Amino acid sequence: MRRFRDNLGASFPFIPDPEGELIELYDVKLPIFTLGSRTTFVVDRQRRIVSVSTGGDAVDPTTAVEAASLACGP
C-alpha cells in the first residue's frame, strides 16, 4: 500500500482494512458474499467523510486523491 501511495504522489495516509473492521463499520459488504465492495472513503482532518467512490470509480484513485488533496491540503 505504501508503494501504491508513493506512486500516486499522495501525501496523506492510506488505511488498510485486512481484518474487515471498516467494511462492517461503513456497511460496504457485498450483499451475498462476506467480502467488501470496492469502496474508497476520503476523510478530512475533522473526521468527516468528504468523498466516497465505489465500484469501478474506486479502482481509479484519481478522484479520491484529488478530494483528499482539497480536503486535507498538501
PDB file of N, CA and C in Angstrom:
ATOM      1  N   MET A   1       0.820  -1.179   0.000  1.00  0.00           N
ATOM      2  CA  MET A   1       0.000   0.000   0.000  1.00  0.00           C
ATOM      3  C   MET A   1       0.874   1.258   0.000  1.00  0.00           C
ATOM      4  N   ARG A   2       1.987   1.184   0.705  1.00  0.00           N
ATOM      5  CA  ARG A   2       2.898   2.337   0.730  1.00  0.00           C
ATOM      6  C   ARG A   2       3.434   2.637  -0.661  1.00  0.00           C
ATOM      7  N   ARG A   3       3.809   1.589  -1.379  1.00  0.00           N
ATOM      8  CA  ARG A   3       4.339   1.770  -2.734  1.00  0.00           C
ATOM      9  C   ARG A   3       3.253   2.355  -3.653  1.00  0.00           C
ATOM     10  N   PHE A   4       2.033   1.869  -3.523  1.00  0.00           N
ATOM     11  CA  PHE A   4       0.916   2.394  -4.305  1.00  0.00           C
ATOM     12  C   PHE A   4       0.703   3.879  -4.013  1.00  0.00           C
ATOM     13  N   ARG A   5       0.708   4.227  -2.729  1.00  0.00           N
ATOM     14  CA  ARG A   5       0.544   5.631  -2.322  1.00  0.00           C
ATOM     15  C   ARG A   5       1.673   6.490  -2.886  1.00  0.00           C
ATOM     16  N   ASP A   6       2.887   6.003  -2.786  1.00  0.00           N
ATOM     17  CA  ASP A   6       4.031   6.752  -3.303  1.00  0.00           C
ATOM     18  C   ASP A   6       3.942   6.936  -4.814  1.00  0.00           C
ATOM     19  N   ASN A   7       3.511   5.902  -5.521  1.00  0.00           N
ATOM     20  CA  ASN A   7       3.365   6.006  -6.978  1.00  0.00           C
ATOM     21  C   ASN A   7       2.322   7.042  -7.368  1.00  0.00           C
ATOM     22  N   LEU A   8       1.313   7.224  -6.545  1.00  0.00           N
ATOM     23  CA  LEU A   8       0.280   8.220  -6.816  1.00  0.00           C
ATOM     24  C   LEU A   8       0.726   9.623  -6.435  1.00  0.00           C
ATOM     25  N   GLY A   9       1.775   9.708  -5.627  1.00  0.00           N
ATOM     26  CA  GLY A   9       2.229  11.013  -5.159  1.00  0.00           C
ATOM     27  C   GLY A   9       1.330  11.562  -4.064  1.00  0.00           C
ATOM     28  N   ALA A  10       0.616  10.697  -3.370  1.00  0.00           N
ATOM     29  CA  ALA A  10      -0.291  11.123  -2.300  1.00  0.00           C
ATOM     30  C   ALA A  10       0.505  11.423  -1.036  1.00  0.00           C
ATOM     31  N   SER A  11       0.199  12.528  -0.400  1.00  0.00           N
ATOM     32  CA  SER A  11       0.933  12.932   0.802  1.00  0.00           C
ATOM     33  C   SER A  11       0.148  12.648   2.081  1.00  0.00           C
ATOM     34  N   PHE A  12      -0.907  11.890   1.982  1.00  0.00           N
ATOM     35  CA  PHE A  12      -1.764  11.590   3.123  1.00  0.00           C
ATOM     36  C   PHE A  12      -1.780  10.075   3.326  1.00  0.00           C
ATOM     37  N   PRO A  13      -2.156   9.609   4.513  1.00  0.00           N
ATOM     38  CA  PRO A  13      -2.122   8.171   4.791  1.00  0.00           C
ATOM     39  C   PRO A  13      -3.255   7.406   4.109  1.00  0.00           C
ATOM     40  N   PHE A  14      -2.981   6.164   3.761  1.00  0.00           N
ATOM     41  CA  PHE A  14      -3.986   5.215   3.304  1.00  0.00           C
ATOM     42  C   PHE A  14      -4.201   4.265   4.479  1.00  0.00           C
ATOM     43  N   ILE A  15      -5.421   3.825   4.685  1.00  0.00           N
ATOM     44  CA  ILE A  15      -5.712   2.943   5.813  1.00  0.00           C
ATOM     45  C   ILE A  15      -6.175   1.588   5.280  1.00  0.00           C
ATOM     46  N   PRO A  16      -5.365   0.552   5.434  1.00  0.00           N
ATOM     47  CA  PRO A  16      -5.784  -0.777   5.001  1.00  0.00           C
ATOM     48  C   PRO A  16      -6.806  -1.354   5.977  1.00  0.00           C
ATOM     49  N   ASP A  17      -7.537  -2.364   5.553  1.00  0.00           N
ATOM     50  CA  ASP A  17      -8.554  -2.987   6.408  1.00  0.00           C
ATOM     51  C   ASP A  17      -8.477  -4.510   6.301  1.00  0.00           C
ATOM     52  N   PRO A  18      -7.317  -5.096   6.668  1.00  0.00           N
ATOM     53  CA  PRO A  18      -7.165  -6.545   6.490  1.00  0.00           C
ATOM     54  C   PRO A  18      -8.122  -7.381   7.339  1.00  0.00           C
ATOM     55  N   GLU A  19      -8.589  -6.861   8.430  1.00  0.00           N
ATOM     56  CA  GLU A  19      -9.499  -7.616   9.295  1.00  0.00           C
ATOM     57  C   GLU A  19     -10.971  -7.363   8.960  1.00  0.00           C
ATOM     58  N   GLY A  20     -11.251  -6.454   8.033  1.00  0.00           N
ATOM     59  CA  GLY A  20     -12.626  -6.185   7.628  1.00  0.00           C
ATOM     60  C   GLY A  20     -13.428  -5.355   8.613  1.00  0.00           C
ATOM     61  N   GLU A  21     -12.761  -4.694   9.551  1.00  0.00           N
ATOM     62  CA  GLU A  21     -13.474  -3.894  10.551  1.00  0.00           C
ATOM     63  C   GLU A  21     -14.165  -2.679   9.925  1.00  0.00           C
ATOM     64  N   LEU A  22     -13.485  -2.027   8.988  1.00  0.00           N
ATOM     65  CA  LEU A  22     -14.088  -0.855   8.350  1.00  0.00           C
ATOM     66  C   LEU A  22     -15.204  -1.257   7.400  1.00  0.00           C
ATOM     67  N   ILE A  23     -15.092  -2.443   6.807  1.00  0.00           N
ATOM     68  CA  ILE A  23     -16.172  -2.953   5.962  1.00  0.00           C
ATOM     69  C   ILE A  23     -17.459  -3.033   6.777  1.00  0.00           C
ATOM     70  N   GLU A  24     -17.360  -3.542   7.984  1.00  0.00           N
ATOM     71  CA  GLU A  24     -18.532  -3.634   8.866  1.00  0.00           C
ATOM     72  C   GLU A  24     -18.992  -2.250   9.327  1.00  0.00           C
ATOM     73  N   LEU A  25     -18.063  -1.428   9.758  1.00  0.00           N
ATOM     74  CA  LEU A  25     -18.390  -0.115  10.294  1.00  0.00           C
ATOM     75  C   LEU A  25     -19.100   0.765   9.269  1.00  0.00           C
ATOM     76  N   TYR A  26     -18.595   0.747   8.025  1.00  0.00           N
ATOM     77  CA  TYR A  26     -19.166   1.592   6.972  1.00  0.00           C
ATOM     78  C   TYR A  26     -20.200   0.856   6.125  1.00  0.00           C
ATOM     79  N   ASP A  27     -20.496  -0.384   6.482  1.00  0.00           N
ATOM     80  CA  ASP A  27     -21.539  -1.175   5.828  1.00  0.00           C
ATOM     81  C   ASP A  27     -21.356  -1.226   4.318  1.00  0.00           C
ATOM     82  N   VAL A  28     -20.190  -1.675   3.874  1.00  0.00           N
ATOM     83  CA  VAL A  28     -19.911  -1.774   2.444  1.00  0.00           C
ATOM     84  C   VAL A  28     -19.673  -3.233   2.025  1.00  0.00           C
ATOM     85  N   LYS A  29     -20.318  -4.148   2.719  1.00  0.00           N
ATOM     86  CA  LYS A  29     -20.189  -5.563   2.393  1.00  0.00           C
ATOM     87  C   LYS A  29     -21.082  -5.882   1.205  1.00  0.00           C
ATOM     88  N   LEU A  30     -20.600  -6.737   0.318  1.00  0.00           N
ATOM     89  CA  LEU A  30     -21.414  -7.193  -0.795  1.00  0.00           C
ATOM     90  C   LEU A  30     -22.599  -7.981  -0.247  1.00  0.00           C
ATOM     91  N   PRO A  31     -23.770  -7.886  -0.859  1.00  0.00           N
ATOM     92  CA  PRO A  31     -24.992  -8.483  -0.293  1.00  0.00           C
ATOM     93  C   PRO A  31     -24.915  -9.970   0.021  1.00  0.00           C
ATOM     94  N   ILE A  32     -24.362 -10.782  -0.860  1.00  0.00           N
ATOM     95  CA  ILE A  32     -24.377 -12.226  -0.643  1.00  0.00           C
ATOM     96  C   ILE A  32     -23.054 -12.731  -0.095  1.00  0.00           C
ATOM     97  N   PHE A  33     -21.970 -12.098  -0.478  1.00  0.00           N
ATOM     98  CA  PHE A  33     -20.644 -12.549  -0.088  1.00  0.00           C
ATOM     99  C   PHE A  33     -20.211 -11.875   1.209  1.00  0.00           C
ATOM    100  N   THR A  34     -19.160 -12.394   1.789  1.00  0.00           N
ATOM    101  CA  THR A  34     -18.630 -11.785   3.005  1.00  0.00           C
ATOM    102  C   THR A  34     -17.488 -10.832   2.684  1.00  0.00           C
ATOM    103  N   LEU A  35     -17.351 -10.468   1.425  1.00  0.00           N
ATOM    104  CA  LEU A  35     -16.306  -9.547   1.002  1.00  0.00           C
ATOM    105  C   LEU A  35     -16.832  -8.123   0.965  1.00  0.00           C
ATOM    106  N   GLY A  36     -15.935  -7.193   1.111  1.00  0.00           N
ATOM    107  CA  GLY A  36     -16.317  -5.797   0.977  1.00  0.00           C
ATOM    108  C   GLY A  36     -16.354  -5.406  -0.486  1.00  0.00           C
ATOM    109  N   SER A  37     -17.270  -4.520  -0.824  1.00  0.00           N
ATOM    110  CA  SER A  37     -17.268  -3.993  -2.182  1.00  0.00           C
ATOM    111  C   SER A  37     -16.142  -2.984  -2.276  1.00  0.00           C
ATOM    112  N   ARG A  38     -15.603  -2.779  -3.464  1.00  0.00           N
ATOM    113  CA  ARG A  38     -14.506  -1.831  -3.607  1.00  0.00           C
ATOM    114  C   ARG A  38     -15.056  -0.439  -3.315  1.00  0.00           C
ATOM    115  N   THR A  39     -14.598   0.151  -2.232  1.00  0.00           N
ATOM    116  CA  THR A  39     -15.076   1.467  -1.805  1.00  0.00           C
ATOM    117  C   THR A  39     -13.903   2.258  -1.256  1.00  0.00           C
ATOM    118  N   THR A  40     -13.836   3.527  -1.641  1.00  0.00           N
ATOM    119  CA  THR A  40     -12.805   4.415  -1.132  1.00  0.00           C
ATOM    120  C   THR A  40     -13.482   5.598  -0.454  1.00  0.00           C
ATOM    121  N   PHE A  41     -13.153   5.803   0.802  1.00  0.00           N
ATOM    122  CA  PHE A  41     -13.658   6.946   1.556  1.00  0.00           C
ATOM    123  C   PHE A  41     -12.515   7.938   1.738  1.00  0.00           C
ATOM    124  N   VAL A  42     -12.794   9.212   1.559  1.00  0.00           N
ATOM    125  CA  VAL A  42     -11.829  10.255   1.880  1.00  0.00           C
ATOM    126  C   VAL A  42     -12.371  10.955   3.125  1.00  0.00           C
ATOM    127  N   VAL A  43     -11.554  10.978   4.166  1.00  0.00           N
ATOM    128  CA  VAL A  43     -11.951  11.549   5.446  1.00  0.00           C
ATOM    129  C   VAL A  43     -11.040  12.745   5.726  1.00  0.00           C
ATOM    130  N   ASP A  44     -11.643  13.892   6.065  1.00  0.00           N
ATOM    131  CA  ASP A  44     -10.823  15.089   6.305  1.00  0.00           C
ATOM    132  C   ASP A  44     -10.297  15.113   7.730  1.00  0.00           C
ATOM    133  N   ARG A  45      -9.586  16.145   8.062  1.00  0.00           N
ATOM    134  CA  ARG A  45      -8.959  16.247   9.390  1.00  0.00           C
ATOM    135  C   ARG A  45      -9.973  16.344  10.524  1.00  0.00           C
ATOM    136  N   GLN A  46     -11.189  16.762  10.212  1.00  0.00           N
ATOM    137  CA  GLN A  46     -12.253  16.830  11.221  1.00  0.00           C
ATOM    138  C   GLN A  46     -13.031  15.514  11.293  1.00  0.00           C
ATOM    139  N   ARG A  47     -12.512  14.497  10.596  1.00  0.00           N
ATOM    140  CA  ARG A  47     -13.089  13.154  10.563  1.00  0.00           C
ATOM    141  C   ARG A  47     -14.439  13.098   9.865  1.00  0.00           C
ATOM    142  N   ARG A  48     -14.654  14.012   8.914  1.00  0.00           N
ATOM    143  CA  ARG A  48     -15.869  13.992   8.106  1.00  0.00           C
ATOM    144  C   ARG A  48     -15.564  13.292   6.789  1.00  0.00           C
ATOM    145  N   ILE A  49     -16.507  12.500   6.319  1.00  0.00           N
ATOM    146  CA  ILE A  49     -16.363  11.871   5.013  1.00  0.00           C
ATOM    147  C   ILE A  49     -16.643  12.938   3.969  1.00  0.00           C
ATOM    148  N   VAL A  50     -15.669  13.198   3.104  1.00  0.00           N
ATOM    149  CA  VAL A  50     -15.819  14.245   2.092  1.00  0.00           C
ATOM    150  C   VAL A  50     -15.957  13.679   0.682  1.00  0.00           C
ATOM    151  N   SER A  51     -15.692  12.391   0.505  1.00  0.00           N
ATOM    152  CA  SER A  51     -15.822  11.775  -0.812  1.00  0.00           C
ATOM    153  C   SER A  51     -15.961  10.268  -0.639  1.00  0.00           C
ATOM    154  N   VAL A  52     -16.821   9.668  -1.463  1.00  0.00           N
ATOM    155  CA  VAL A  52     -16.974   8.215  -1.488  1.00  0.00           C
ATOM    156  C   VAL A  52     -16.955   7.774  -2.944  1.00  0.00           C
ATOM    157  N   SER A  53     -16.100   6.829  -3.256  1.00  0.00           N
ATOM    158  CA  SER A  53     -16.051   6.233  -4.591  1.00  0.00           C
ATOM    159  C   SER A  53     -16.316   4.750  -4.440  1.00  0.00           C
ATOM    160  N   THR A  54     -17.143   4.190  -5.320  1.00  0.00           N
ATOM    161  CA  THR A  54     -17.466   2.765  -5.244  1.00  0.00           C
ATOM    162  C   THR A  54     -17.285   2.105  -6.603  1.00  0.00           C
ATOM    163  N   GLY A  55     -17.194   0.784  -6.564  1.00  0.00           N
ATOM    164  CA  GLY A  55     -17.097   0.007  -7.792  1.00  0.00           C
ATOM    165  C   GLY A  55     -15.912   0.416  -8.642  1.00  0.00           C
ATOM    166  N   GLY A  56     -16.168   0.585  -9.942  1.00  0.00           N
ATOM    167  CA  GLY A  56     -15.118   0.950 -10.880  1.00  0.00           C
ATOM    168  C   GLY A  56     -14.486   2.291 -10.564  1.00  0.00           C
ATOM    169  N   ASP A  57     -15.291   3.212 -10.002  1.00  0.00           N
ATOM    170  CA  ASP A  57     -14.746   4.524  -9.633  1.00  0.00           C
ATOM    171  C   ASP A  57     -13.702   4.410  -8.524  1.00  0.00           C
ATOM    172  N   ALA A  58     -13.840   3.400  -7.683  1.00  0.00           N
ATOM    173  CA  ALA A  58     -12.889   3.216  -6.589  1.00  0.00           C
ATOM    174  C   ALA A  58     -11.599   2.559  -7.061  1.00  0.00           C
ATOM    175  N   VAL A  59     -11.639   1.911  -8.213  1.00  0.00           N
ATOM    176  CA  VAL A  59     -10.438   1.287  -8.756  1.00  0.00           C
ATOM    177  C   VAL A  59      -9.448   2.352  -9.209  1.00  0.00           C
ATOM    178  N   ASP A  60      -9.967   3.406  -9.841  1.00  0.00           N
ATOM    179  CA  ASP A  60      -9.124   4.518 -10.281  1.00  0.00           C
ATOM    180  C   ASP A  60      -9.057   5.523  -9.133  1.00  0.00           C
ATOM    181  N   PRO A  61      -7.897   5.705  -8.531  1.00  0.00           N
ATOM    182  CA  PRO A  61      -7.788   6.543  -7.336  1.00  0.00           C
ATOM    183  C   PRO A  61      -7.773   8.045  -7.606  1.00  0.00           C
ATOM    184  N   THR A  62      -7.866   8.466  -8.854  1.00  0.00           N
ATOM    185  CA  THR A  62      -7.717   9.883  -9.196  1.00  0.00           C
ATOM    186  C   THR A  62      -8.687  10.772  -8.424  1.00  0.00           C
ATOM    187  N   THR A  63      -9.961  10.415  -8.408  1.00  0.00           N
ATOM    188  CA  THR A  63     -10.965  11.226  -7.722  1.00  0.00           C
ATOM    189  C   THR A  63     -10.682  11.310  -6.227  1.00  0.00           C
ATOM    190  N   ALA A  64     -10.313  10.189  -5.627  1.00  0.00           N
ATOM    191  CA  ALA A  64     -10.033  10.172  -4.189  1.00  0.00           C
ATOM    192  C   ALA A  64      -8.801  11.011  -3.862  1.00  0.00           C
ATOM    193  N   VAL A  65      -7.775  10.919  -4.674  1.00  0.00           N
ATOM    194  CA  VAL A  65      -6.554  11.699  -4.435  1.00  0.00           C
ATOM    195  C   VAL A  65      -6.857  13.189  -4.552  1.00  0.00           C
ATOM    196  N   GLU A  66      -7.628  13.571  -5.557  1.00  0.00           N
ATOM    197  CA  GLU A  66      -8.000  14.981  -5.707  1.00  0.00           C
ATOM    198  C   GLU A  66      -8.832  15.454  -4.519  1.00  0.00           C
ATOM    199  N   ALA A  67      -9.813  14.663  -4.105  1.00  0.00           N
ATOM    200  CA  ALA A  67     -10.662  15.042  -2.969  1.00  0.00           C
ATOM    201  C   ALA A  67      -9.837  15.168  -1.695  1.00  0.00           C
ATOM    202  N   ALA A  68      -8.919  14.237  -1.476  1.00  0.00           N
ATOM    203  CA  ALA A  68      -8.079  14.281  -0.275  1.00  0.00           C
ATOM    204  C   ALA A  68      -7.164  15.486  -0.303  1.00  0.00           C
ATOM    205  N   SER A  69      -6.627  15.811  -1.459  1.00  0.00           N
ATOM    206  CA  SER A  69      -5.754  16.956  -1.568  1.00  0.00           C
ATOM    207  C   SER A  69      -6.501  18.245  -1.238  1.00  0.00           C
ATOM    208  N   LEU A  70      -7.742  18.342  -1.703  1.00  0.00           N
ATOM    209  CA  LEU A  70      -8.567  19.524  -1.408  1.00  0.00           C
ATOM    210  C   LEU A  70      -8.960  19.568   0.061  1.00  0.00           C
ATOM    211  N   ALA A  71      -9.349  18.422   0.609  1.00  0.00           N
ATOM    212  CA  ALA A  71      -9.850  18.379   1.979  1.00  0.00           C
ATOM    213  C   ALA A  71      -8.743  18.475   3.011  1.00  0.00           C
ATOM    214  N   CYS A  72      -7.602  17.920   2.731  1.00  0.00           N
ATOM    215  CA  CYS A  72      -6.539  17.818   3.733  1.00  0.00           C
ATOM    216  C   CYS A  72      -5.340  18.695   3.429  1.00  0.00           C
ATOM    217  N   GLY A  73      -5.262  19.207   2.246  1.00  0.00           N
ATOM    218  CA  GLY A  73      -4.116  20.038   1.894  1.00  0.00           C
ATOM    219  C   GLY A  73      -2.888  19.207   1.601  1.00  0.00           C
ATOM    220  N   PRO A  74      -1.826  19.851   1.206  1.00  0.00           N
ATOM    221  CA  PRO A  74      -0.588  19.134   0.852  1.00  0.00           C
ATOM    222  C   PRO A  74       0.084  18.505   2.052  1.00  0.00           C
TER     223      PRO A  74
END
